[in-house]
Amino acid sequence: MIVDSELAKISWAHRFEAYGARAVFALIRPLGIKNASNLGGFLGRTIGPRVGVTRRARTNLTRVMPELNAEAREKIILAMWDNFGRTIFEYPLLDKFILPKNLERLNIVGLEHLQTVAAAGRGGLIVSGHFANWEMLPLIAHLQGIESGAVYRSANNPLIDDQILALRAKVSDAVQIPKGAKGARGILRLLKAKKFVMMLIDQKLNDGIEATLFGHKAMTTSAPAGLAYRNQIPIVPVSLVRGKGASFTLTVHTPIETDGNAEALGEITRVTQELNDFLEARIRECPSQWFWLHDRWSFTKKG
C-alpha cells in the first residue's frame, strides 16, 4: 500500500495509466460477469494474436509441442488470448463471484485432499500456475475457510498495484505477500502459524534449479520444495480450468510430501522436478488455458 511520502515520487505517466485503468474498470463493472467476460474474450481474440509478444507464444509452442501443426498452434493461441481477455475483464467483478447466485460458477474437485491437509493442522503450500483466471484460487480458498497468504508479483505501476490489491481484498482475507525479502518473512510467519501459502510457480527465474519442462531445461523456483523440506509441510498442487464463459473447475490433486531424512539438495531437486512434471501434465491436458506468453525457456531474447 502506497503511503503519502511515496505518492509524490510517482510519475505522471503512472498516474495517467492508473486513472485510465480505474475508468475502464468503472465502465466494465456495470456489465456484469457474463457480459464483461464475453467482451474481454472478444477483445482478446481480436487484438491479442496481432500483438508482437504473441511471437513468443508461437515459438514456445513450436519448440515444446512439435507434434502440433501450425493450425493447431494458432487455435491454442487464439483461445489463450480469449482466456486472457476474459481474465482481465473479470478483475473488476471478482467480488461478484462470491455472491450466492454466482457460486455455481465455481466447482471444486478433490476438495477432500485439501480438507485432510487442513485438518492435520500443519499448514502447507498450495501451488499452481497461470491457468484460466488464476485469481479464482485465493477466492475459492477463502470460501472454503482456508486461512492463507498469496505470493504475488507487484505490478510495475504502484498505483495499479494498489488497485489490484484492493480488488483482491474484497473477495479474500488472504495476506498479500510480495515477492522478495520482505515477502519471504511474511511466508515464514504464516507457515509458523500453521497456515497456508499459495504460490504460482510457472514463471521463469534467473536463478533457482535447472529442472526440465516439456523436456527442455527451465530455471525453476526451488522455494516450494525448499519450504516444504525445511518445515516438513505438504505441498498441495491445484489446477484450474475455465468452462463455458466465466465458470471454473478447480481440481485439488494428491499432496506431495518431502522426505525429511533425505539429503536436502537432492530432495529439493526431486520435488522441484515433480512440480514441473505436474505443470506439464496440466498444460498438455488443456494447452489453451496456460499463459504461453511467459519467457519460460528463453527460446527468444525478445517478445
C-alpha atoms as a PDB file:
ATOM      1  CA  MET A   1       0.000   0.000   0.000  1.00  0.00           C
ATOM      2  CA  ILE A   2       1.382   3.409  -1.003  1.00  0.00           C
ATOM      3  CA  VAL A   3       1.904   5.877   1.825  1.00  0.00           C
ATOM      4  CA  ASP A   4       1.744   9.679   1.447  1.00  0.00           C
ATOM      5  CA  SER A   5       5.522  10.042   1.464  1.00  0.00           C
ATOM      6  CA  GLU A   6       5.773   7.749  -1.577  1.00  0.00           C
ATOM      7  CA  LEU A   7       2.907   9.310  -3.541  1.00  0.00           C
ATOM      8  CA  ALA A   8       4.915  12.399  -4.523  1.00  0.00           C
ATOM      9  CA  LYS A   9       7.555  10.200  -6.173  1.00  0.00           C
ATOM     10  CA  ILE A  10       5.113   8.571  -8.583  1.00  0.00           C
ATOM     11  CA  SER A  11       5.471   9.706 -12.184  1.00  0.00           C
ATOM     12  CA  TRP A  12       2.692  11.424 -14.103  1.00  0.00           C
ATOM     13  CA  ALA A  13       2.805   8.590 -16.632  1.00  0.00           C
ATOM     14  CA  HIS A  14       1.938   6.143 -13.863  1.00  0.00           C
ATOM     15  CA  ARG A  15      -0.808   8.450 -12.634  1.00  0.00           C
ATOM     16  CA  PHE A  16      -2.443   8.738 -16.053  1.00  0.00           C
ATOM     17  CA  GLU A  17      -2.148   4.985 -16.570  1.00  0.00           C
ATOM     18  CA  ALA A  18      -3.802   4.347 -13.203  1.00  0.00           C
ATOM     19  CA  TYR A  19      -6.593   6.863 -13.847  1.00  0.00           C
ATOM     20  CA  GLY A  20      -7.232   5.169 -17.190  1.00  0.00           C
ATOM     21  CA  ALA A  21      -7.355   1.731 -15.588  1.00  0.00           C
ATOM     22  CA  ARG A  22      -9.761   2.983 -12.920  1.00  0.00           C
ATOM     23  CA  ALA A  23     -12.028   4.489 -15.599  1.00  0.00           C
ATOM     24  CA  VAL A  24     -12.022   1.283 -17.655  1.00  0.00           C
ATOM     25  CA  PHE A  25     -12.790  -0.814 -14.584  1.00  0.00           C
ATOM     26  CA  ALA A  26     -15.661   1.525 -13.727  1.00  0.00           C
ATOM     27  CA  LEU A  27     -17.097   1.052 -17.230  1.00  0.00           C
ATOM     28  CA  ILE A  28     -16.734  -2.727 -17.087  1.00  0.00           C
ATOM     29  CA  ARG A  29     -18.331  -3.284 -13.709  1.00  0.00           C
ATOM     30  CA  PRO A  30     -21.967  -2.461 -14.698  1.00  0.00           C
ATOM     31  CA  LEU A  31     -21.787  -5.070 -17.475  1.00  0.00           C
ATOM     32  CA  GLY A  32     -21.967  -7.946 -15.009  1.00  0.00           C
ATOM     33  CA  ILE A  33     -19.875 -11.115 -15.048  1.00  0.00           C
ATOM     34  CA  LYS A  34     -21.235 -12.723 -18.212  1.00  0.00           C
ATOM     35  CA  ASN A  35     -21.158  -9.668 -20.476  1.00  0.00           C
ATOM     36  CA  ALA A  36     -17.827  -8.395 -19.154  1.00  0.00           C
ATOM     37  CA  SER A  37     -16.190 -11.793 -19.635  1.00  0.00           C
ATOM     38  CA  ASN A  38     -17.623 -12.136 -23.154  1.00  0.00           C
ATOM     39  CA  LEU A  39     -16.421  -8.663 -24.122  1.00  0.00           C
ATOM     40  CA  GLY A  40     -12.964  -9.364 -22.750  1.00  0.00           C
ATOM     41  CA  GLY A  41     -12.823 -12.628 -24.662  1.00  0.00           C
ATOM     42  CA  PHE A  42     -13.840 -10.905 -27.897  1.00  0.00           C
ATOM     43  CA  LEU A  43     -11.191  -8.205 -27.498  1.00  0.00           C
ATOM     44  CA  GLY A  44      -8.566 -10.775 -26.548  1.00  0.00           C
ATOM     45  CA  ARG A  45      -9.290 -12.884 -29.648  1.00  0.00           C
ATOM     46  CA  THR A  46      -9.398  -9.833 -31.893  1.00  0.00           C
ATOM     47  CA  ILE A  47      -6.332  -7.938 -30.687  1.00  0.00           C
ATOM     48  CA  GLY A  48      -4.087 -10.482 -28.958  1.00  0.00           C
ATOM     49  CA  PRO A  49      -2.900 -12.604 -31.912  1.00  0.00           C
ATOM     50  CA  ARG A  50      -1.737  -9.420 -33.672  1.00  0.00           C
ATOM     51  CA  VAL A  51       0.393  -8.197 -30.749  1.00  0.00           C
ATOM     52  CA  GLY A  52       4.150  -8.629 -31.122  1.00  0.00           C
ATOM     53  CA  VAL A  53       4.600 -10.646 -27.925  1.00  0.00           C
ATOM     54  CA  THR A  54       2.478 -13.401 -29.493  1.00  0.00           C
ATOM     55  CA  ARG A  55       5.618 -14.413 -31.384  1.00  0.00           C
ATOM     56  CA  ARG A  56       6.911 -15.753 -28.089  1.00  0.00           C
ATOM     57  CA  ALA A  57       3.844 -17.971 -27.663  1.00  0.00           C
ATOM     58  CA  ARG A  58       4.280 -19.322 -31.195  1.00  0.00           C
ATOM     59  CA  THR A  59       7.969 -20.018 -30.564  1.00  0.00           C
ATOM     60  CA  ASN A  60       7.252 -21.734 -27.247  1.00  0.00           C
ATOM     61  CA  LEU A  61       4.557 -23.949 -28.748  1.00  0.00           C
ATOM     62  CA  THR A  62       6.680 -24.860 -31.762  1.00  0.00           C
ATOM     63  CA  ARG A  63       9.616 -25.903 -29.585  1.00  0.00           C
ATOM     64  CA  VAL A  64       7.873 -27.800 -26.781  1.00  0.00           C
ATOM     65  CA  MET A  65       4.891 -29.313 -28.634  1.00  0.00           C
ATOM     66  CA  PRO A  66       6.370 -30.076 -32.072  1.00  0.00           C
ATOM     67  CA  GLU A  67       3.649 -32.657 -32.723  1.00  0.00           C
ATOM     68  CA  LEU A  68       1.192 -29.802 -33.329  1.00  0.00           C
ATOM     69  CA  ASN A  69       0.775 -28.348 -36.808  1.00  0.00           C
ATOM     70  CA  ALA A  70       0.533 -24.615 -37.473  1.00  0.00           C
ATOM     71  CA  GLU A  71      -3.275 -24.634 -37.485  1.00  0.00           C
ATOM     72  CA  ALA A  72      -3.440 -26.350 -34.084  1.00  0.00           C
ATOM     73  CA  ARG A  73      -0.939 -23.880 -32.623  1.00  0.00           C
ATOM     74  CA  GLU A  74      -2.952 -20.919 -33.869  1.00  0.00           C
ATOM     75  CA  LYS A  75      -6.141 -22.332 -32.327  1.00  0.00           C
ATOM     76  CA  ILE A  76      -4.375 -22.624 -28.977  1.00  0.00           C
ATOM     77  CA  ILE A  77      -3.060 -19.068 -29.235  1.00  0.00           C
ATOM     78  CA  LEU A  78      -6.490 -17.706 -30.156  1.00  0.00           C
ATOM     79  CA  ALA A  79      -8.081 -19.496 -27.176  1.00  0.00           C
ATOM     80  CA  MET A  80      -5.240 -18.338 -24.898  1.00  0.00           C
ATOM     81  CA  TRP A  81      -5.947 -14.716 -25.795  1.00  0.00           C
ATOM     82  CA  ASP A  82      -9.681 -15.297 -25.331  1.00  0.00           C
ATOM     83  CA  ASN A  83      -8.990 -16.581 -21.820  1.00  0.00           C
ATOM     84  CA  PHE A  84      -6.587 -13.739 -21.004  1.00  0.00           C
ATOM     85  CA  GLY A  85      -9.038 -11.106 -22.214  1.00  0.00           C
ATOM     86  CA  ARG A  86     -11.780 -12.652 -20.096  1.00  0.00           C
ATOM     87  CA  THR A  87      -9.472 -12.742 -17.075  1.00  0.00           C
ATOM     88  CA  ILE A  88      -8.651  -9.025 -17.358  1.00  0.00           C
ATOM     89  CA  PHE A  89     -12.306  -8.040 -17.735  1.00  0.00           C
ATOM     90  CA  GLU A  90     -13.301 -10.224 -14.792  1.00  0.00           C
ATOM     91  CA  TYR A  91     -10.987  -8.349 -12.419  1.00  0.00           C
ATOM     92  CA  PRO A  92     -13.433  -5.528 -11.599  1.00  0.00           C
ATOM     93  CA  LEU A  93     -16.092  -8.138 -10.820  1.00  0.00           C
ATOM     94  CA  LEU A  94     -14.168 -10.509  -8.561  1.00  0.00           C
ATOM     95  CA  ASP A  95     -16.427  -9.670  -5.629  1.00  0.00           C
ATOM     96  CA  LYS A  96     -19.483 -10.704  -7.664  1.00  0.00           C
ATOM     97  CA  PHE A  97     -18.201 -14.278  -7.918  1.00  0.00           C
ATOM     98  CA  ILE A  98     -18.716 -14.850  -4.181  1.00  0.00           C
ATOM     99  CA  LEU A  99     -22.370 -13.851  -4.224  1.00  0.00           C
ATOM    100  CA  PRO A 100     -24.673 -16.853  -3.561  1.00  0.00           C
ATOM    101  CA  LYS A 101     -26.262 -16.592  -7.008  1.00  0.00           C
ATOM    102  CA  ASN A 102     -22.861 -16.928  -8.690  1.00  0.00           C
ATOM    103  CA  LEU A 103     -21.342 -19.735  -6.622  1.00  0.00           C
ATOM    104  CA  GLU A 104     -22.459 -22.225  -9.260  1.00  0.00           C
ATOM    105  CA  ARG A 105     -19.715 -20.741 -11.427  1.00  0.00           C
ATOM    106  CA  LEU A 106     -17.110 -22.243  -9.069  1.00  0.00           C
ATOM    107  CA  ASN A 107     -16.793 -26.024  -8.979  1.00  0.00           C
ATOM    108  CA  ILE A 108     -14.241 -27.930  -6.864  1.00  0.00           C
ATOM    109  CA  VAL A 109     -12.970 -31.454  -7.448  1.00  0.00           C
ATOM    110  CA  GLY A 110     -10.816 -33.312  -4.935  1.00  0.00           C
ATOM    111  CA  LEU A 111     -11.605 -30.965  -2.069  1.00  0.00           C
ATOM    112  CA  GLU A 112     -11.092 -33.854   0.341  1.00  0.00           C
ATOM    113  CA  HIS A 113      -7.320 -33.644  -0.261  1.00  0.00           C
ATOM    114  CA  LEU A 114      -7.209 -30.052   0.966  1.00  0.00           C
ATOM    115  CA  GLN A 115      -9.581 -30.758   3.832  1.00  0.00           C
ATOM    116  CA  THR A 116      -7.403 -33.632   5.043  1.00  0.00           C
ATOM    117  CA  VAL A 117      -4.288 -31.463   4.986  1.00  0.00           C
ATOM    118  CA  ALA A 118      -6.075 -28.597   6.745  1.00  0.00           C
ATOM    119  CA  ALA A 119      -7.446 -30.943   9.430  1.00  0.00           C
ATOM    120  CA  ALA A 120      -3.916 -32.137  10.226  1.00  0.00           C
ATOM    121  CA  GLY A 121      -3.131 -28.630  11.496  1.00  0.00           C
ATOM    122  CA  ARG A 122       0.298 -28.435   9.867  1.00  0.00           C
ATOM    123  CA  GLY A 123      -0.442 -25.749   7.321  1.00  0.00           C
ATOM    124  CA  GLY A 124       1.128 -26.156   3.912  1.00  0.00           C
ATOM    125  CA  LEU A 125       1.743 -24.790   0.449  1.00  0.00           C
ATOM    126  CA  ILE A 126      -0.869 -24.573  -2.306  1.00  0.00           C
ATOM    127  CA  VAL A 127       0.817 -24.377  -5.701  1.00  0.00           C
ATOM    128  CA  SER A 128      -0.476 -23.840  -9.213  1.00  0.00           C
ATOM    129  CA  GLY A 129       0.312 -21.998 -12.432  1.00  0.00           C
ATOM    130  CA  HIS A 130      -1.223 -19.284 -14.595  1.00  0.00           C
ATOM    131  CA  PHE A 131      -4.217 -21.360 -15.665  1.00  0.00           C
ATOM    132  CA  ALA A 132      -7.642 -19.938 -16.623  1.00  0.00           C
ATOM    133  CA  ASN A 133      -8.366 -16.994 -14.271  1.00  0.00           C
ATOM    134  CA  TRP A 134      -5.755 -17.627 -11.593  1.00  0.00           C
ATOM    135  CA  GLU A 135      -7.390 -15.011  -9.335  1.00  0.00           C
ATOM    136  CA  MET A 136     -10.072 -17.604  -8.560  1.00  0.00           C
ATOM    137  CA  LEU A 137      -7.615 -19.627  -6.471  1.00  0.00           C
ATOM    138  CA  PRO A 138      -7.486 -17.359  -3.361  1.00  0.00           C
ATOM    139  CA  LEU A 139     -11.186 -16.629  -3.781  1.00  0.00           C
ATOM    140  CA  ILE A 140     -12.066 -20.334  -3.629  1.00  0.00           C
ATOM    141  CA  ALA A 141      -9.656 -20.920  -0.725  1.00  0.00           C
ATOM    142  CA  HIS A 142     -11.410 -18.135   1.176  1.00  0.00           C
ATOM    143  CA  LEU A 143     -14.828 -19.659   0.504  1.00  0.00           C
ATOM    144  CA  GLN A 144     -13.552 -22.950   1.950  1.00  0.00           C
ATOM    145  CA  GLY A 145     -12.334 -21.238   5.119  1.00  0.00           C
ATOM    146  CA  ILE A 146      -8.630 -21.802   4.375  1.00  0.00           C
ATOM    147  CA  GLU A 147      -6.506 -19.231   6.204  1.00  0.00           C
ATOM    148  CA  SER A 148      -3.740 -18.322   3.822  1.00  0.00           C
ATOM    149  CA  GLY A 149      -1.432 -15.855   2.181  1.00  0.00           C
ATOM    150  CA  ALA A 150      -0.837 -15.424  -1.547  1.00  0.00           C
ATOM    151  CA  VAL A 151       2.542 -14.658  -3.093  1.00  0.00           C
ATOM    152  CA  TYR A 152       2.298 -12.178  -5.959  1.00  0.00           C
ATOM    153  CA  ARG A 153       4.475 -10.150  -8.292  1.00  0.00           C
ATOM    154  CA  SER A 154       3.872  -6.433  -7.823  1.00  0.00           C
ATOM    155  CA  ALA A 155       2.646  -4.516 -10.878  1.00  0.00           C
ATOM    156  CA  ASN A 156       5.185  -2.154 -12.424  1.00  0.00           C
ATOM    157  CA  ASN A 157       2.841   0.754 -11.727  1.00  0.00           C
ATOM    158  CA  PRO A 158       2.432   1.079  -7.932  1.00  0.00           C
ATOM    159  CA  LEU A 159      -0.932   2.826  -8.292  1.00  0.00           C
ATOM    160  CA  ILE A 160      -2.341  -0.009 -10.386  1.00  0.00           C
ATOM    161  CA  ASP A 161      -0.796  -2.439  -7.914  1.00  0.00           C
ATOM    162  CA  ASP A 162      -2.831  -0.764  -5.172  1.00  0.00           C
ATOM    163  CA  GLN A 163      -5.981  -1.064  -7.279  1.00  0.00           C
ATOM    164  CA  ILE A 164      -5.409  -4.788  -7.790  1.00  0.00           C
ATOM    165  CA  LEU A 165      -4.741  -5.352  -4.088  1.00  0.00           C
ATOM    166  CA  ALA A 166      -7.972  -3.514  -3.251  1.00  0.00           C
ATOM    167  CA  LEU A 167      -9.930  -5.759  -5.637  1.00  0.00           C
ATOM    168  CA  ARG A 168      -8.419  -8.861  -4.058  1.00  0.00           C
ATOM    169  CA  ALA A 169      -9.209  -7.617  -0.555  1.00  0.00           C
ATOM    170  CA  LYS A 170     -12.917  -7.557  -1.461  1.00  0.00           C
ATOM    171  CA  VAL A 171     -13.031 -11.301  -2.064  1.00  0.00           C
ATOM    172  CA  SER A 172     -10.409 -12.851   0.173  1.00  0.00           C
ATOM    173  CA  ASP A 173      -8.725 -12.292   3.504  1.00  0.00           C
ATOM    174  CA  ALA A 174      -5.548 -13.915   2.191  1.00  0.00           C
ATOM    175  CA  VAL A 175      -2.449 -11.984   3.215  1.00  0.00           C
ATOM    176  CA  GLN A 176      -0.900 -10.468   0.086  1.00  0.00           C
ATOM    177  CA  ILE A 177       2.804 -11.345   0.022  1.00  0.00           C
ATOM    178  CA  PRO A 178       5.003  -9.502  -2.492  1.00  0.00           C
ATOM    179  CA  LYS A 179       7.930 -11.414  -3.945  1.00  0.00           C
ATOM    180  CA  GLY A 180      11.276 -10.520  -2.379  1.00  0.00           C
ATOM    181  CA  ALA A 181      12.961 -10.440   1.017  1.00  0.00           C
ATOM    182  CA  LYS A 182      10.033  -8.764   2.753  1.00  0.00           C
ATOM    183  CA  GLY A 183       7.668 -11.331   1.299  1.00  0.00           C
ATOM    184  CA  ALA A 184       9.902 -14.194   2.448  1.00  0.00           C
ATOM    185  CA  ARG A 185       9.489 -13.060   6.035  1.00  0.00           C
ATOM    186  CA  GLY A 186       5.724 -12.962   5.538  1.00  0.00           C
ATOM    187  CA  ILE A 187       5.741 -16.538   4.221  1.00  0.00           C
ATOM    188  CA  LEU A 188       7.677 -17.779   7.230  1.00  0.00           C
ATOM    189  CA  ARG A 189       5.279 -16.046   9.634  1.00  0.00           C
ATOM    190  CA  LEU A 190       2.287 -17.746   8.022  1.00  0.00           C
ATOM    191  CA  LEU A 191       3.913 -21.161   7.990  1.00  0.00           C
ATOM    192  CA  LYS A 192       4.948 -20.774  11.631  1.00  0.00           C
ATOM    193  CA  ALA A 193       1.280 -20.084  12.408  1.00  0.00           C
ATOM    194  CA  LYS A 194       0.359 -23.358  10.612  1.00  0.00           C
ATOM    195  CA  LYS A 195      -1.469 -21.574   7.815  1.00  0.00           C
ATOM    196  CA  PHE A 196      -1.264 -21.972   4.048  1.00  0.00           C
ATOM    197  CA  VAL A 197       0.707 -20.081   1.428  1.00  0.00           C
ATOM    198  CA  MET A 198      -0.448 -20.005  -2.214  1.00  0.00           C
ATOM    199  CA  MET A 199       2.160 -19.724  -4.979  1.00  0.00           C
ATOM    200  CA  LEU A 200       2.097 -19.686  -8.782  1.00  0.00           C
ATOM    201  CA  ILE A 201       5.289 -21.471  -9.768  1.00  0.00           C
ATOM    202  CA  ASP A 202       5.336 -21.494 -13.575  1.00  0.00           C
ATOM    203  CA  GLN A 203       7.318 -18.338 -14.364  1.00  0.00           C
ATOM    204  CA  LYS A 204      10.951 -18.136 -15.385  1.00  0.00           C
ATOM    205  CA  LEU A 205      13.643 -17.323 -12.847  1.00  0.00           C
ATOM    206  CA  ASN A 206      17.219 -16.255 -13.433  1.00  0.00           C
ATOM    207  CA  ASP A 207      18.226 -18.422 -10.503  1.00  0.00           C
ATOM    208  CA  GLY A 208      16.641 -21.421  -8.835  1.00  0.00           C
ATOM    209  CA  ILE A 209      17.087 -25.003 -10.010  1.00  0.00           C
ATOM    210  CA  GLU A 210      17.682 -26.093 -13.597  1.00  0.00           C
ATOM    211  CA  ALA A 211      14.820 -28.559 -13.948  1.00  0.00           C
ATOM    212  CA  THR A 212      13.123 -29.610 -17.172  1.00  0.00           C
ATOM    213  CA  LEU A 213       9.720 -28.706 -18.555  1.00  0.00           C
ATOM    214  CA  PHE A 214       8.473 -30.396 -21.740  1.00  0.00           C
ATOM    215  CA  GLY A 215      11.938 -31.952 -21.994  1.00  0.00           C
ATOM    216  CA  HIS A 216      13.722 -28.594 -22.143  1.00  0.00           C
ATOM    217  CA  LYS A 217      15.866 -27.016 -19.451  1.00  0.00           C
ATOM    218  CA  ALA A 218      13.947 -24.397 -17.467  1.00  0.00           C
ATOM    219  CA  MET A 219      15.222 -22.476 -14.464  1.00  0.00           C
ATOM    220  CA  THR A 220      12.605 -23.194 -11.810  1.00  0.00           C
ATOM    221  CA  THR A 221      11.906 -21.816  -8.365  1.00  0.00           C
ATOM    222  CA  SER A 222      13.048 -24.149  -5.603  1.00  0.00           C
ATOM    223  CA  ALA A 223      11.067 -22.196  -2.992  1.00  0.00           C
ATOM    224  CA  PRO A 224       8.100 -24.603  -2.641  1.00  0.00           C
ATOM    225  CA  ALA A 225      10.284 -27.688  -2.322  1.00  0.00           C
ATOM    226  CA  GLY A 226      12.720 -25.897  -0.019  1.00  0.00           C
ATOM    227  CA  LEU A 227       9.995 -24.581   2.279  1.00  0.00           C
ATOM    228  CA  ALA A 228       8.264 -27.951   2.360  1.00  0.00           C
ATOM    229  CA  TYR A 229      11.513 -29.758   3.183  1.00  0.00           C
ATOM    230  CA  ARG A 230      12.700 -27.374   5.883  1.00  0.00           C
ATOM    231  CA  ASN A 231       9.283 -27.071   7.560  1.00  0.00           C
ATOM    232  CA  GLN A 232       8.094 -30.617   6.833  1.00  0.00           C
ATOM    233  CA  ILE A 233       4.785 -29.448   5.435  1.00  0.00           C
ATOM    234  CA  PRO A 234       2.832 -30.790   2.444  1.00  0.00           C
ATOM    235  CA  ILE A 235       2.588 -29.225  -0.999  1.00  0.00           C
ATOM    236  CA  VAL A 236      -0.936 -29.295  -2.397  1.00  0.00           C
ATOM    237  CA  PRO A 237      -0.938 -28.945  -6.224  1.00  0.00           C
ATOM    238  CA  VAL A 238      -4.091 -27.483  -7.744  1.00  0.00           C
ATOM    239  CA  SER A 239      -5.184 -26.762 -11.296  1.00  0.00           C
ATOM    240  CA  LEU A 240      -7.883 -24.516 -12.703  1.00  0.00           C
ATOM    241  CA  VAL A 241      -9.864 -24.895 -15.918  1.00  0.00           C
ATOM    242  CA  ARG A 242     -12.270 -22.393 -17.425  1.00  0.00           C
ATOM    243  CA  GLY A 243     -15.543 -23.899 -18.562  1.00  0.00           C
ATOM    244  CA  LYS A 244     -18.080 -22.050 -20.677  1.00  0.00           C
ATOM    245  CA  GLY A 245     -17.708 -18.289 -20.257  1.00  0.00           C
ATOM    246  CA  ALA A 246     -16.946 -17.320 -16.668  1.00  0.00           C
ATOM    247  CA  SER A 247     -17.274 -20.692 -14.961  1.00  0.00           C
ATOM    248  CA  PHE A 248     -14.376 -22.612 -13.452  1.00  0.00           C
ATOM    249  CA  THR A 249     -13.401 -26.011 -12.107  1.00  0.00           C
ATOM    250  CA  LEU A 250     -10.614 -26.133  -9.565  1.00  0.00           C
ATOM    251  CA  THR A 251      -9.059 -29.554  -9.023  1.00  0.00           C
ATOM    252  CA  VAL A 252      -7.101 -30.343  -5.865  1.00  0.00           C
ATOM    253  CA  HIS A 253      -4.533 -33.043  -6.581  1.00  0.00           C
ATOM    254  CA  THR A 254      -2.790 -35.517  -4.282  1.00  0.00           C
ATOM    255  CA  PRO A 255      -0.499 -33.686  -1.840  1.00  0.00           C
ATOM    256  CA  ILE A 256       3.263 -34.059  -2.182  1.00  0.00           C
ATOM    257  CA  GLU A 257       5.387 -34.768   0.892  1.00  0.00           C
ATOM    258  CA  THR A 258       9.134 -34.356   1.229  1.00  0.00           C
ATOM    259  CA  ASP A 259      11.410 -36.848   2.964  1.00  0.00           C
ATOM    260  CA  GLY A 260      12.948 -35.060   5.915  1.00  0.00           C
ATOM    261  CA  ASN A 261      15.608 -37.780   6.233  1.00  0.00           C
ATOM    262  CA  ALA A 262      16.835 -37.357   2.666  1.00  0.00           C
ATOM    263  CA  GLU A 263      19.784 -35.181   1.675  1.00  0.00           C
ATOM    264  CA  ALA A 264      18.497 -31.627   1.302  1.00  0.00           C
ATOM    265  CA  LEU A 265      19.660 -30.655  -2.195  1.00  0.00           C
ATOM    266  CA  GLY A 266      18.713 -33.976  -3.737  1.00  0.00           C
ATOM    267  CA  GLU A 267      15.242 -33.964  -2.188  1.00  0.00           C
ATOM    268  CA  ILE A 268      14.554 -30.339  -3.104  1.00  0.00           C
ATOM    269  CA  THR A 269      15.667 -31.034  -6.681  1.00  0.00           C
ATOM    270  CA  ARG A 270      13.462 -34.134  -6.870  1.00  0.00           C
ATOM    271  CA  VAL A 271      10.343 -32.342  -5.656  1.00  0.00           C
ATOM    272  CA  THR A 272      11.005 -29.314  -7.865  1.00  0.00           C
ATOM    273  CA  GLN A 273      11.078 -31.599 -10.896  1.00  0.00           C
ATOM    274  CA  GLU A 274       7.922 -33.353  -9.701  1.00  0.00           C
ATOM    275  CA  LEU A 275       6.151 -29.996  -9.594  1.00  0.00           C
ATOM    276  CA  ASN A 276       7.314 -29.178 -13.127  1.00  0.00           C
ATOM    277  CA  ASP A 277       6.013 -32.575 -14.244  1.00  0.00           C
ATOM    278  CA  PHE A 278       2.676 -31.722 -12.631  1.00  0.00           C
ATOM    279  CA  LEU A 279       2.519 -28.396 -14.506  1.00  0.00           C
ATOM    280  CA  GLU A 280       3.429 -30.038 -17.800  1.00  0.00           C
ATOM    281  CA  ALA A 281       0.707 -32.665 -17.409  1.00  0.00           C
ATOM    282  CA  ARG A 282      -1.922 -29.995 -16.716  1.00  0.00           C
ATOM    283  CA  ILE A 283      -0.771 -27.873 -19.664  1.00  0.00           C
ATOM    284  CA  ARG A 284      -0.913 -30.857 -22.009  1.00  0.00           C
ATOM    285  CA  GLU A 285      -4.455 -31.599 -20.832  1.00  0.00           C
ATOM    286  CA  CYS A 286      -5.620 -28.104 -21.759  1.00  0.00           C
ATOM    287  CA  PRO A 287      -2.875 -26.104 -23.523  1.00  0.00           C
ATOM    288  CA  SER A 288      -5.161 -23.222 -24.494  1.00  0.00           C
ATOM    289  CA  GLN A 289      -5.645 -22.205 -20.860  1.00  0.00           C
ATOM    290  CA  TRP A 290      -1.998 -21.713 -19.946  1.00  0.00           C
ATOM    291  CA  PHE A 291      -0.253 -18.378 -20.383  1.00  0.00           C
ATOM    292  CA  TRP A 292       2.174 -19.172 -23.213  1.00  0.00           C
ATOM    293  CA  LEU A 293       3.491 -15.601 -23.277  1.00  0.00           C
ATOM    294  CA  HIS A 294       5.918 -16.324 -20.407  1.00  0.00           C
ATOM    295  CA  ASP A 295       9.564 -16.415 -21.492  1.00  0.00           C
ATOM    296  CA  ARG A 296       9.756 -19.781 -19.771  1.00  0.00           C
ATOM    297  CA  TRP A 297      12.611 -21.334 -21.725  1.00  0.00           C
ATOM    298  CA  SER A 298      14.448 -18.323 -23.191  1.00  0.00           C
ATOM    299  CA  PHE A 299      13.978 -19.597 -26.722  1.00  0.00           C
ATOM    300  CA  THR A 300      13.762 -15.973 -27.808  1.00  0.00           C
ATOM    301  CA  LYS A 301      15.579 -12.938 -26.491  1.00  0.00           C
ATOM    302  CA  LYS A 302      12.738 -10.616 -27.422  1.00  0.00           C
ATOM    303  CA  GLY A 303       8.969 -10.822 -27.069  1.00  0.00           C
END
